[in-house]
């Protein structure tokens, strides 16, 4: 039994967000017009760059963050990222995208 044909390509957008912005990002994502759901979970960020880290974070070598993952049609990804840039410039949110080979619900 094969996978169904995919008529549109999808993109996974990952956001790494400071904990202070978690609820703001949840509200922002819920209000997007694309209707996509998303996943969030706590993560630890690691970097040799010490700027912006508290003394405790420098000692532990990690910074608490929240990661959001959103799977959207490729056609919606650029719009979402443009809005992210517009609405959250200077907040330190990091993002990346990756192509999605398959997506669905069973």
PDB file of N, CA and C in Angstrom:
ATOM      1  N   UNK A   1       0.852  -1.173   0.000  1.00  0.00           N
ATOM      2  CA  UNK A   1       0.000   0.000   0.000  1.00  0.00           C
ATOM      3  C   UNK A   1       0.896   1.234   0.000  1.00  0.00           C
ATOM      4  N   UNK A   2       0.790   2.085  -0.994  1.00  0.00           N
ATOM      5  CA  UNK A   2       1.647   3.261  -1.132  1.00  0.00           C
ATOM      6  C   UNK A   2       1.043   4.487  -0.469  1.00  0.00           C
ATOM      7  N   UNK A   3       1.865   5.535  -0.412  1.00  0.00           N
ATOM      8  CA  UNK A   3       1.407   6.812   0.115  1.00  0.00           C
ATOM      9  C   UNK A   3       0.594   7.529  -0.952  1.00  0.00           C
ATOM     10  N   UNK A   4      -0.387   8.335  -0.544  1.00  0.00           N
ATOM     11  CA  UNK A   4      -1.166   9.073  -1.524  1.00  0.00           C
ATOM     12  C   UNK A   4      -0.304  10.095  -2.245  1.00  0.00           C
ATOM     13  N   UNK A   5      -0.681  10.425  -3.461  1.00  0.00           N
ATOM     14  CA  UNK A   5       0.042  11.439  -4.220  1.00  0.00           C
ATOM     15  C   UNK A   5      -0.080  12.789  -3.513  1.00  0.00           C
ATOM     16  N   UNK A   6       0.997  13.539  -3.529  1.00  0.00           N
ATOM     17  CA  UNK A   6       1.008  14.852  -2.897  1.00  0.00           C
ATOM     18  C   UNK A   6       0.854  15.892  -3.992  1.00  0.00           C
ATOM     19  N   UNK A   7      -0.169  16.730  -3.883  1.00  0.00           N
ATOM     20  CA  UNK A   7      -0.389  17.727  -4.918  1.00  0.00           C
ATOM     21  C   UNK A   7       0.214  19.084  -4.576  1.00  0.00           C
ATOM     22  N   UNK A   8       0.769  19.226  -3.401  1.00  0.00           N
ATOM     23  CA  UNK A   8       1.417  20.478  -3.009  1.00  0.00           C
ATOM     24  C   UNK A   8       2.616  20.152  -2.126  1.00  0.00           C
ATOM     25  N   UNK A   9       3.676  20.926  -2.247  1.00  0.00           N
ATOM     26  CA  UNK A   9       4.847  20.715  -1.399  1.00  0.00           C
ATOM     27  C   UNK A   9       4.650  21.470  -0.092  1.00  0.00           C
ATOM     28  N   UNK A  10       5.230  20.903   0.958  1.00  0.00           N
ATOM     29  CA  UNK A  10       5.115  21.478   2.292  1.00  0.00           C
ATOM     30  C   UNK A  10       6.491  21.824   2.840  1.00  0.00           C
ATOM     31  N   UNK A  11       6.488  22.684   3.820  1.00  0.00           N
ATOM     32  CA  UNK A  11       7.707  23.187   4.433  1.00  0.00           C
ATOM     33  C   UNK A  11       7.531  23.129   5.953  1.00  0.00           C
ATOM     34  N   UNK A  12       8.565  22.687   6.649  1.00  0.00           N
ATOM     35  CA  UNK A  12       8.568  22.727   8.109  1.00  0.00           C
ATOM     36  C   UNK A  12       9.318  23.980   8.528  1.00  0.00           C
ATOM     37  N   UNK A  13       8.661  24.827   9.287  1.00  0.00           N
ATOM     38  CA  UNK A  13       9.297  26.025   9.836  1.00  0.00           C
ATOM     39  C   UNK A  13       9.523  25.785  11.315  1.00  0.00           C
ATOM     40  N   UNK A  14      10.758  25.928  11.742  1.00  0.00           N
ATOM     41  CA  UNK A  14      11.109  25.774  13.157  1.00  0.00           C
ATOM     42  C   UNK A  14      11.495  27.143  13.707  1.00  0.00           C
ATOM     43  N   UNK A  15      10.932  27.488  14.850  1.00  0.00           N
ATOM     44  CA  UNK A  15      11.254  28.733  15.540  1.00  0.00           C
ATOM     45  C   UNK A  15      11.840  28.393  16.899  1.00  0.00           C
ATOM     46  N   UNK A  16      12.929  29.036  17.266  1.00  0.00           N
ATOM     47  CA  UNK A  16      13.472  28.921  18.613  1.00  0.00           C
ATOM     48  C   UNK A  16      13.284  30.281  19.274  1.00  0.00           C
ATOM     49  N   UNK A  17      12.508  30.287  20.365  1.00  0.00           N
ATOM     50  CA  UNK A  17      11.963  31.511  20.939  1.00  0.00           C
ATOM     51  C   UNK A  17      12.377  31.644  22.400  1.00  0.00           C
ATOM     52  N   UNK A  18      12.731  32.846  22.851  1.00  0.00           N
ATOM     53  CA  UNK A  18      12.960  33.052  24.289  1.00  0.00           C
ATOM     54  C   UNK A  18      11.673  32.750  25.066  1.00  0.00           C
ATOM     55  N   UNK A  19      11.790  32.133  26.241  1.00  0.00           N
ATOM     56  CA  UNK A  19      10.597  31.771  27.020  1.00  0.00           C
ATOM     57  C   UNK A  19       9.652  32.942  27.288  1.00  0.00           C
ATOM     58  N   UNK A  20      10.173  34.139  27.409  1.00  0.00           N
ATOM     59  CA  UNK A  20       9.318  35.300  27.678  1.00  0.00           C
ATOM     60  C   UNK A  20       8.351  35.580  26.523  1.00  0.00           C
ATOM     61  N   UNK A  21       8.658  35.075  25.330  1.00  0.00           N
ATOM     62  CA  UNK A  21       7.792  35.293  24.167  1.00  0.00           C
ATOM     63  C   UNK A  21       6.880  34.115  23.857  1.00  0.00           C
ATOM     64  N   UNK A  22       6.932  33.063  24.668  1.00  0.00           N
ATOM     65  CA  UNK A  22       6.180  31.848  24.360  1.00  0.00           C
ATOM     66  C   UNK A  22       4.689  32.125  24.147  1.00  0.00           C
ATOM     67  N   UNK A  23       4.034  32.761  25.092  1.00  0.00           N
ATOM     68  CA  UNK A  23       2.586  32.992  24.977  1.00  0.00           C
ATOM     69  C   UNK A  23       2.259  33.934  23.826  1.00  0.00           C
ATOM     70  N   UNK A  24       3.123  34.906  23.596  1.00  0.00           N
ATOM     71  CA  UNK A  24       2.920  35.832  22.479  1.00  0.00           C
ATOM     72  C   UNK A  24       2.971  35.092  21.151  1.00  0.00           C
ATOM     73  N   UNK A  25       3.936  34.174  21.007  1.00  0.00           N
ATOM     74  CA  UNK A  25       4.062  33.395  19.772  1.00  0.00           C
ATOM     75  C   UNK A  25       2.890  32.430  19.628  1.00  0.00           C
ATOM     76  N   UNK A  26       2.456  31.812  20.727  1.00  0.00           N
ATOM     77  CA  UNK A  26       1.278  30.934  20.662  1.00  0.00           C
ATOM     78  C   UNK A  26       0.088  31.720  20.113  1.00  0.00           C
ATOM     79  N   UNK A  27      -0.176  32.886  20.669  1.00  0.00           N
ATOM     80  CA  UNK A  27      -1.298  33.702  20.199  1.00  0.00           C
ATOM     81  C   UNK A  27      -1.105  34.105  18.734  1.00  0.00           C
ATOM     82  N   UNK A  28       0.116  34.491  18.369  1.00  0.00           N
ATOM     83  CA  UNK A  28       0.415  34.924  17.001  1.00  0.00           C
ATOM     84  C   UNK A  28       0.164  33.781  16.013  1.00  0.00           C
ATOM     85  N   UNK A  29       0.651  32.588  16.348  1.00  0.00           N
ATOM     86  CA  UNK A  29       0.461  31.440  15.459  1.00  0.00           C
ATOM     87  C   UNK A  29      -1.008  31.036  15.367  1.00  0.00           C
ATOM     88  N   UNK A  30      -1.727  31.093  16.478  1.00  0.00           N
ATOM     89  CA  UNK A  30      -3.158  30.746  16.453  1.00  0.00           C
ATOM     90  C   UNK A  30      -3.970  31.710  15.595  1.00  0.00           C
ATOM     91  N   UNK A  31      -3.488  32.925  15.440  1.00  0.00           N
ATOM     92  CA  UNK A  31      -4.205  33.931  14.662  1.00  0.00           C
ATOM     93  C   UNK A  31      -3.782  33.997  13.205  1.00  0.00           C
ATOM     94  N   UNK A  32      -2.855  33.150  12.793  1.00  0.00           N
ATOM     95  CA  UNK A  32      -2.468  33.135  11.382  1.00  0.00           C
ATOM     96  C   UNK A  32      -3.632  32.668  10.535  1.00  0.00           C
ATOM     97  N   UNK A  33      -3.699  33.160   9.337  1.00  0.00           N
ATOM     98  CA  UNK A  33      -4.820  32.853   8.455  1.00  0.00           C
ATOM     99  C   UNK A  33      -4.700  31.493   7.780  1.00  0.00           C
ATOM    100  N   UNK A  34      -3.529  30.823   7.881  1.00  0.00           N
ATOM    101  CA  UNK A  34      -3.366  29.556   7.156  1.00  0.00           C
ATOM    102  C   UNK A  34      -4.003  28.372   7.877  1.00  0.00           C
ATOM    103  N   UNK A  35      -4.416  28.528   9.124  1.00  0.00           N
ATOM    104  CA  UNK A  35      -5.116  27.471   9.835  1.00  0.00           C
ATOM    105  C   UNK A  35      -4.267  26.271  10.206  1.00  0.00           C
ATOM    106  N   UNK A  36      -2.967  26.361  10.005  1.00  0.00           N
ATOM    107  CA  UNK A  36      -2.094  25.240  10.352  1.00  0.00           C
ATOM    108  C   UNK A  36      -1.954  25.129  11.862  1.00  0.00           C
ATOM    109  N   UNK A  37      -1.932  23.899  12.340  1.00  0.00           N
ATOM    110  CA  UNK A  37      -1.608  23.685  13.739  1.00  0.00           C
ATOM    111  C   UNK A  37      -0.105  23.760  13.915  1.00  0.00           C
ATOM    112  N   UNK A  38       0.344  23.653  15.131  1.00  0.00           N
ATOM    113  CA  UNK A  38       1.778  23.711  15.406  1.00  0.00           C
ATOM    114  C   UNK A  38       2.078  22.938  16.672  1.00  0.00           C
ATOM    115  N   UNK A  39       3.339  22.682  16.876  1.00  0.00           N
ATOM    116  CA  UNK A  39       3.814  21.973  18.056  1.00  0.00           C
ATOM    117  C   UNK A  39       4.808  22.870  18.777  1.00  0.00           C
ATOM    118  N   UNK A  40       4.806  22.812  20.108  1.00  0.00           N
ATOM    119  CA  UNK A  40       5.816  23.555  20.870  1.00  0.00           C
ATOM    120  C   UNK A  40       6.360  22.654  21.975  1.00  0.00           C
ATOM    121  N   UNK A  41       7.617  22.878  22.297  1.00  0.00           N
ATOM    122  CA  UNK A  41       8.249  22.114  23.362  1.00  0.00           C
ATOM    123  C   UNK A  41       9.484  22.842  23.865  1.00  0.00           C
ATOM    124  N   UNK A  42       9.849  22.604  25.141  1.00  0.00           N
ATOM    125  CA  UNK A  42      11.035  23.265  25.697  1.00  0.00           C
ATOM    126  C   UNK A  42      12.311  22.645  25.128  1.00  0.00           C
ATOM    127  N   UNK A  43      13.302  23.490  24.880  1.00  0.00           N
ATOM    128  CA  UNK A  43      14.603  23.038  24.395  1.00  0.00           C
ATOM    129  C   UNK A  43      15.689  23.835  25.102  1.00  0.00           C
ATOM    130  N   UNK A  44      16.909  23.362  24.983  1.00  0.00           N
ATOM    131  CA  UNK A  44      18.071  24.096  25.487  1.00  0.00           C
ATOM    132  C   UNK A  44      18.908  24.531  24.303  1.00  0.00           C
ATOM    133  N   UNK A  45      19.214  25.817  24.242  1.00  0.00           N
ATOM    134  CA  UNK A  45      20.074  26.345  23.194  1.00  0.00           C
ATOM    135  C   UNK A  45      21.512  26.327  23.674  1.00  0.00           C
ATOM    136  N   UNK A  46      22.416  25.957  22.791  1.00  0.00           N
ATOM    137  CA  UNK A  46      23.839  25.896  23.114  1.00  0.00           C
ATOM    138  C   UNK A  46      24.605  26.711  22.081  1.00  0.00           C
ATOM    139  N   UNK A  47      25.542  27.528  22.541  1.00  0.00           N
ATOM    140  CA  UNK A  47      26.330  28.346  21.630  1.00  0.00           C
ATOM    141  C   UNK A  47      27.589  28.813  22.335  1.00  0.00           C
ATOM    142  N   UNK A  48      28.617  29.062  21.555  1.00  0.00           N
ATOM    143  CA  UNK A  48      29.838  29.634  22.133  1.00  0.00           C
ATOM    144  C   UNK A  48      29.720  31.147  22.247  1.00  0.00           C
ATOM    145  N   UNK A  49      28.665  31.709  21.681  1.00  0.00           N
ATOM    146  CA  UNK A  49      28.413  33.145  21.773  1.00  0.00           C
ATOM    147  C   UNK A  49      27.782  33.446  23.131  1.00  0.00           C
ATOM    148  N   UNK A  50      28.434  34.259  23.931  1.00  0.00           N
ATOM    149  CA  UNK A  50      27.970  34.515  25.297  1.00  0.00           C
ATOM    150  C   UNK A  50      27.084  35.752  25.423  1.00  0.00           C
ATOM    151  N   UNK A  51      27.005  36.555  24.376  1.00  0.00           N
ATOM    152  CA  UNK A  51      26.199  37.777  24.439  1.00  0.00           C
ATOM    153  C   UNK A  51      24.746  37.432  24.744  1.00  0.00           C
ATOM    154  N   UNK A  52      24.178  38.135  25.717  1.00  0.00           N
ATOM    155  CA  UNK A  52      22.777  37.938  26.055  1.00  0.00           C
ATOM    156  C   UNK A  52      22.512  36.805  27.037  1.00  0.00           C
ATOM    157  N   UNK A  53      23.548  36.074  27.444  1.00  0.00           N
ATOM    158  CA  UNK A  53      23.361  34.989  28.411  1.00  0.00           C
ATOM    159  C   UNK A  53      23.524  35.505  29.832  1.00  0.00           C
ATOM    160  N   UNK A  54      22.698  35.006  30.741  1.00  0.00           N
ATOM    161  CA  UNK A  54      22.886  35.328  32.152  1.00  0.00           C
ATOM    162  C   UNK A  54      24.130  34.594  32.647  1.00  0.00           C
ATOM    163  N   UNK A  55      24.605  34.951  33.816  1.00  0.00           N
ATOM    164  CA  UNK A  55      25.778  34.280  34.391  1.00  0.00           C
ATOM    165  C   UNK A  55      25.488  32.793  34.585  1.00  0.00           C
ATOM    166  N   UNK A  56      24.286  32.471  35.069  1.00  0.00           N
ATOM    167  CA  UNK A  56      23.912  31.060  35.269  1.00  0.00           C
ATOM    168  C   UNK A  56      23.913  30.302  33.943  1.00  0.00           C
ATOM    169  N   UNK A  57      23.425  30.935  32.872  1.00  0.00           N
ATOM    170  CA  UNK A  57      23.420  30.289  31.561  1.00  0.00           C
ATOM    171  C   UNK A  57      24.835  30.102  31.035  1.00  0.00           C
ATOM    172  N   UNK A  58      25.699  31.063  31.305  1.00  0.00           N
ATOM    173  CA  UNK A  58      27.098  30.925  30.889  1.00  0.00           C
ATOM    174  C   UNK A  58      27.761  29.757  31.604  1.00  0.00           C
ATOM    175  N   UNK A  59      27.489  29.600  32.896  1.00  0.00           N
ATOM    176  CA  UNK A  59      28.073  28.512  33.686  1.00  0.00           C
ATOM    177  C   UNK A  59      27.536  27.161  33.223  1.00  0.00           C
ATOM    178  N   UNK A  60      26.221  27.074  32.985  1.00  0.00           N
ATOM    179  CA  UNK A  60      25.624  25.794  32.603  1.00  0.00           C
ATOM    180  C   UNK A  60      25.867  25.454  31.135  1.00  0.00           C
ATOM    181  N   UNK A  61      26.177  26.465  30.324  1.00  0.00           N
ATOM    182  CA  UNK A  61      26.426  26.229  28.914  1.00  0.00           C
ATOM    183  C   UNK A  61      25.155  26.028  28.098  1.00  0.00           C
ATOM    184  N   UNK A  62      24.033  26.461  28.624  1.00  0.00           N
ATOM    185  CA  UNK A  62      22.769  26.309  27.896  1.00  0.00           C
ATOM    186  C   UNK A  62      21.819  27.441  28.242  1.00  0.00           C
ATOM    187  N   UNK A  63      20.942  27.697  27.290  1.00  0.00           N
ATOM    188  CA  UNK A  63      19.928  28.727  27.472  1.00  0.00           C
ATOM    189  C   UNK A  63      18.566  28.104  27.221  1.00  0.00           C
ATOM    190  N   UNK A  64      17.657  28.278  28.156  1.00  0.00           N
ATOM    191  CA  UNK A  64      16.304  27.748  27.980  1.00  0.00           C
ATOM    192  C   UNK A  64      15.615  28.491  26.846  1.00  0.00           C
ATOM    193  N   UNK A  65      14.958  27.736  25.981  1.00  0.00           N
ATOM    194  CA  UNK A  65      14.232  28.280  24.845  1.00  0.00           C
ATOM    195  C   UNK A  65      12.961  27.453  24.649  1.00  0.00           C
ATOM    196  N   UNK A  66      12.090  27.909  23.783  1.00  0.00           N
ATOM    197  CA  UNK A  66      10.906  27.154  23.388  1.00  0.00           C
ATOM    198  C   UNK A  66      10.973  26.993  21.876  1.00  0.00           C
ATOM    199  N   UNK A  67      10.770  25.772  21.406  1.00  0.00           N
ATOM    200  CA  UNK A  67      10.792  25.526  19.964  1.00  0.00           C
ATOM    201  C   UNK A  67       9.366  25.314  19.480  1.00  0.00           C
ATOM    202  N   UNK A  68       9.063  25.947  18.366  1.00  0.00           N
ATOM    203  CA  UNK A  68       7.788  25.785  17.687  1.00  0.00           C
ATOM    204  C   UNK A  68       8.066  25.165  16.329  1.00  0.00           C
ATOM    205  N   UNK A  69       7.217  24.231  15.916  1.00  0.00           N
ATOM    206  CA  UNK A  69       7.306  23.646  14.585  1.00  0.00           C
ATOM    207  C   UNK A  69       5.959  23.791  13.904  1.00  0.00           C
ATOM    208  N   UNK A  70       5.998  24.312  12.675  1.00  0.00           N
ATOM    209  CA  UNK A  70       4.788  24.552  11.910  1.00  0.00           C
ATOM    210  C   UNK A  70       4.998  23.948  10.530  1.00  0.00           C
ATOM    211  N   UNK A  71       4.089  23.098  10.094  1.00  0.00           N
ATOM    212  CA  UNK A  71       4.147  22.517   8.760  1.00  0.00           C
ATOM    213  C   UNK A  71       3.123  23.253   7.902  1.00  0.00           C
ATOM    214  N   UNK A  72       3.612  23.961   6.889  1.00  0.00           N
ATOM    215  CA  UNK A  72       2.732  24.761   6.040  1.00  0.00           C
ATOM    216  C   UNK A  72       3.005  24.462   4.571  1.00  0.00           C
ATOM    217  N   UNK A  73       2.044  24.733   3.711  1.00  0.00           N
ATOM    218  CA  UNK A  73       2.332  24.637   2.280  1.00  0.00           C
ATOM    219  C   UNK A  73       3.480  25.584   1.925  1.00  0.00           C
ATOM    220  N   UNK A  74       4.320  25.163   1.020  1.00  0.00           N
ATOM    221  CA  UNK A  74       5.458  25.994   0.622  1.00  0.00           C
ATOM    222  C   UNK A  74       4.992  27.394   0.217  1.00  0.00           C
ATOM    223  N   UNK A  75       3.846  27.459  -0.415  1.00  0.00           N
ATOM    224  CA  UNK A  75       3.311  28.748  -0.868  1.00  0.00           C
ATOM    225  C   UNK A  75       3.007  29.700   0.294  1.00  0.00           C
ATOM    226  N   UNK A  76       2.815  29.189   1.505  1.00  0.00           N
ATOM    227  CA  UNK A  76       2.517  30.025   2.668  1.00  0.00           C
ATOM    228  C   UNK A  76       3.760  30.343   3.498  1.00  0.00           C
ATOM    229  N   UNK A  77       4.856  29.638   3.272  1.00  0.00           N
ATOM    230  CA  UNK A  77       6.051  29.789   4.108  1.00  0.00           C
ATOM    231  C   UNK A  77       6.646  31.183   4.017  1.00  0.00           C
ATOM    232  N   UNK A  78       6.800  31.710   2.820  1.00  0.00           N
ATOM    233  CA  UNK A  78       7.407  33.036   2.666  1.00  0.00           C
ATOM    234  C   UNK A  78       6.574  34.120   3.341  1.00  0.00           C
ATOM    235  N   UNK A  79       5.262  34.004   3.234  1.00  0.00           N
ATOM    236  CA  UNK A  79       4.380  34.976   3.883  1.00  0.00           C
ATOM    237  C   UNK A  79       4.520  34.909   5.400  1.00  0.00           C
ATOM    238  N   UNK A  80       4.549  33.686   5.934  1.00  0.00           N
ATOM    239  CA  UNK A  80       4.696  33.524   7.379  1.00  0.00           C
ATOM    240  C   UNK A  80       6.022  34.114   7.851  1.00  0.00           C
ATOM    241  N   UNK A  81       7.106  33.838   7.137  1.00  0.00           N
ATOM    242  CA  UNK A  81       8.420  34.350   7.537  1.00  0.00           C
ATOM    243  C   UNK A  81       8.501  35.871   7.397  1.00  0.00           C
ATOM    244  N   UNK A  82       7.859  36.426   6.400  1.00  0.00           N
ATOM    245  CA  UNK A  82       7.824  37.891   6.250  1.00  0.00           C
ATOM    246  C   UNK A  82       7.091  38.537   7.425  1.00  0.00           C
ATOM    247  N   UNK A  83       5.974  37.938   7.805  1.00  0.00           N
ATOM    248  CA  UNK A  83       5.223  38.457   8.956  1.00  0.00           C
ATOM    249  C   UNK A  83       6.016  38.313  10.245  1.00  0.00           C
ATOM    250  N   UNK A  84       6.729  37.192  10.376  1.00  0.00           N
ATOM    251  CA  UNK A  84       7.578  36.998  11.557  1.00  0.00           C
ATOM    252  C   UNK A  84       8.621  38.107  11.643  1.00  0.00           C
ATOM    253  N   UNK A  85       9.288  38.384  10.515  1.00  0.00           N
ATOM    254  CA  UNK A  85      10.291  39.458  10.486  1.00  0.00           C
ATOM    255  C   UNK A  85       9.656  40.800  10.848  1.00  0.00           C
ATOM    256  N   UNK A  86       8.498  41.073  10.297  1.00  0.00           N
ATOM    257  CA  UNK A  86       7.815  42.338  10.527  1.00  0.00           C
ATOM    258  C   UNK A  86       7.374  42.493  11.983  1.00  0.00           C
ATOM    259  N   UNK A  87       6.798  41.435  12.543  1.00  0.00           N
ATOM    260  CA  UNK A  87       6.207  41.522  13.880  1.00  0.00           C
ATOM    261  C   UNK A  87       7.193  41.312  15.023  1.00  0.00           C
ATOM    262  N   UNK A  88       8.351  40.661  14.756  1.00  0.00           N
ATOM    263  CA  UNK A  88       9.238  40.293  15.858  1.00  0.00           C
ATOM    264  C   UNK A  88      10.703  40.687  15.633  1.00  0.00           C
ATOM    265  N   UNK A  89      10.955  41.703  14.826  1.00  0.00           N
ATOM    266  CA  UNK A  89      12.316  42.181  14.606  1.00  0.00           C
ATOM    267  C   UNK A  89      12.971  42.537  15.940  1.00  0.00           C
ATOM    268  N   UNK A  90      14.200  42.086  16.120  1.00  0.00           N
ATOM    269  CA  UNK A  90      14.973  42.432  17.314  1.00  0.00           C
ATOM    270  C   UNK A  90      14.689  41.592  18.548  1.00  0.00           C
ATOM    271  N   UNK A  91      13.862  40.557  18.440  1.00  0.00           N
ATOM    272  CA  UNK A  91      13.500  39.762  19.621  1.00  0.00           C
ATOM    273  C   UNK A  91      14.421  38.562  19.851  1.00  0.00           C
ATOM    274  N   UNK A  92      15.299  38.267  18.897  1.00  0.00           N
ATOM    275  CA  UNK A  92      16.204  37.133  19.064  1.00  0.00           C
ATOM    276  C   UNK A  92      15.623  35.794  18.651  1.00  0.00           C
ATOM    277  N   UNK A  93      14.451  35.788  18.025  1.00  0.00           N
ATOM    278  CA  UNK A  93      13.881  34.536  17.538  1.00  0.00           C
ATOM    279  C   UNK A  93      14.739  34.028  16.387  1.00  0.00           C
ATOM    280  N   UNK A  94      15.093  32.762  16.457  1.00  0.00           N
ATOM    281  CA  UNK A  94      15.832  32.116  15.362  1.00  0.00           C
ATOM    282  C   UNK A  94      14.861  31.215  14.621  1.00  0.00           C
ATOM    283  N   UNK A  95      15.074  31.072  13.328  1.00  0.00           N
ATOM    284  CA  UNK A  95      14.189  30.210  12.549  1.00  0.00           C
ATOM    285  C   UNK A  95      14.973  29.506  11.460  1.00  0.00           C
ATOM    286  N   UNK A  96      14.412  28.422  10.980  1.00  0.00           N
ATOM    287  CA  UNK A  96      14.927  27.730   9.808  1.00  0.00           C
ATOM    288  C   UNK A  96      13.785  26.964   9.176  1.00  0.00           C
ATOM    289  N   UNK A  97      13.993  26.580   7.927  1.00  0.00           N
ATOM    290  CA  UNK A  97      12.978  25.820   7.207  1.00  0.00           C
ATOM    291  C   UNK A  97      13.591  24.544   6.653  1.00  0.00           C
ATOM    292  N   UNK A  98      12.740  23.574   6.402  1.00  0.00           N
ATOM    293  CA  UNK A  98      13.171  22.316   5.794  1.00  0.00           C
ATOM    294  C   UNK A  98      12.028  21.791   4.952  1.00  0.00           C
ATOM    295  N   UNK A  99      12.351  21.194   3.815  1.00  0.00           N
ATOM    296  CA  UNK A  99      11.287  20.604   3.009  1.00  0.00           C
ATOM    297  C   UNK A  99      10.695  19.381   3.706  1.00  0.00           C
ATOM    298  N   UNK A 100       9.413  19.151   3.481  1.00  0.00           N
ATOM    299  CA  UNK A 100       8.713  18.014   4.056  1.00  0.00           C
ATOM    300  C   UNK A 100       8.388  17.045   2.927  1.00  0.00           C
ATOM    301  N   UNK A 101       8.858  15.820   3.050  1.00  0.00           N
ATOM    302  CA  UNK A 101       8.595  14.830   1.996  1.00  0.00           C
ATOM    303  C   UNK A 101       7.162  14.322   2.032  1.00  0.00           C
ATOM    304  N   UNK A 102       6.653  14.089   3.219  1.00  0.00           N
ATOM    305  CA  UNK A 102       5.291  13.592   3.383  1.00  0.00           C
ATOM    306  C   UNK A 102       4.692  14.252   4.616  1.00  0.00           C
ATOM    307  N   UNK A 103       3.403  14.470   4.567  1.00  0.00           N
ATOM    308  CA  UNK A 103       2.680  14.946   5.742  1.00  0.00           C
ATOM    309  C   UNK A 103       1.249  14.449   5.610  1.00  0.00           C
ATOM    310  N   UNK A 104       0.609  14.272   6.725  1.00  0.00           N
ATOM    311  CA  UNK A 104      -0.770  13.801   6.695  1.00  0.00           C
ATOM    312  C   UNK A 104      -1.279  13.489   8.080  1.00  0.00           C
ATOM    313  N   UNK A 105      -2.405  12.868   8.128  1.00  0.00           N
ATOM    314  CA  UNK A 105      -3.026  12.481   9.389  1.00  0.00           C
ATOM    315  C   UNK A 105      -3.617  11.101   9.189  1.00  0.00           C
ATOM    316  N   UNK A 106      -3.483  10.236  10.176  1.00  0.00           N
ATOM    317  CA  UNK A 106      -4.060   8.880  10.082  1.00  0.00           C
ATOM    318  C   UNK A 106      -5.061   8.662  11.185  1.00  0.00           C
TER     319      UNK A 106
END
